Amino acid sequence: MSGDMRKGASKHYILAAGGTGGHLIPAYALAHELHGRGHHVALITDERGAALPGRPDFLTAHVLPAGRFGKNPLKWLRGIRAVLEGRRMALRLMEAYQPSAVVGFGGYPSLPAMLASTSAGVPTVIHEQNAVLGRVNRLLAGRVSAVATAYPDIERLKERHLAKTHLVGNPVRAEVLALRNQDFPAFTENGILRVLVTGGSQGARVLSEVVPDGLAMLQPALRQRLQVTQQCRPEDLARVRERYRNHDIPAELGTYFEDMESRLADCHLFIGRAGASTIAELTAVGRPAILIPLPIATDDHQAANTREMVQAGGARMIRQDRFDAKELAKQIQAMAQAPHTLANAAHGAWNCGRPNAARDLADLVESFGGAEMMDVIRVDGQAPRAAGQAAPANHGASRDAGE
């Protein structure tokens, strides 16, 4: 249902998110959708989140203490005190703001607001961006009104919570979503193969060490057609530039690219990490990928994030302990051996995209305090599943291109 059809009385909503882009990008996308429907939206985060670029001008950020809980139990007392103080502050904010619902996007900075809203009887939704339910969302899943997920298979999601779980996808930036209905860039037998390499906000050293040599090992017919764009850490730039020069491979290097959406639009193959926002953008646009999950990611969630895209034929996954130049060259050669193999992979990636994620999540959030809760699942009519639960017989059917 479109935003225009859902417009009614203006309501107040609070979004609570951790201080990283992975938590805040989907929160910003939901904020834009709710604001466009005439609602008032506020954000609760930490100091890092409040300073992160990209926050909409209309979205006021409230910084609350959250605390962190590492592996050392001796430091937990300080974290608990911060959470309790943040909860008290959140309760005062909710008393003044009177939200119709509070939406949590995970991360410890979201915890005080979510605890406050559940104790105050305010309807609550948690959104999980990864294919493994995060620690904070696991703590809250039994207390909230609804769980929204980005993937159909979710590890650490208890079966008793499935009845209130809704598959909506992972909201992405409007600039990226606008590329969804553009054709995959032409790739011919003799045409340029444009490769985009990124490793998260700070780059990944392993990509700088492996990718140039892996590309150099490609068969000459493919290697001679390469055009590379690669994000590197500042301290790695000179070394990586020298490697590409020695391999006679044209490459544009930088520590940050402001026009990342246009580079994503032009690329034929992506190589990088498997964060939730990265995969959401790749599948929104439909770009084939070779994904190297971050090995220290909590609960190995980046590896789980690759599952759907790999099964659809849109990506190859290489564990970092197996990620070397020879293996990378082998996987690139397999994916780009002919124009149709790369185009088929692009279509597989595109079929995993959920372009209506912001709209569907907003529909779910709006349903509180108004009309009876609607079922916003629009992926083959299927509900999300706890990981390991059998899929219906029609699982994997591609979505209509008119989404």
Foldseek 3Di string as FASTA:
>chain_A
DALQVVADDAFEEEEEFELDCLQVQLVQLLVVSSVVSVYQYEYEYAPNNVPDPDRDPRYHYDHAFFADDDPDPVRVVVRVVRLVRRLVVLLVVCVVRVGQEYEYADDRRRQSNLVNCLVVVRAYEYEYLFQEQDPSCLVCLVRHQAYEYADQAHASDDPVSQVRYAYQHGAHDPLLLVQQPPAQPDDAQQAAAEEEEAAPLQGDVLCLVAVLLLLLPADPSHSVRYEYEYAHHPVSVVVSVVSCVVSVHHYHYYNDDPPVSVSLSNHLEYEYAQRSRVLQSCQSNQHAYEHEYDPPPVVSRSVVSCVQLVVLLQYHYDYSVRRHSNVSNVVVCVQPVGRVSSSSSSVSSNQSHNSCSSVLVSLQSVCRPDPPGDRSHDNVPDGRDHHPDDDPPPPPDGDDSVD
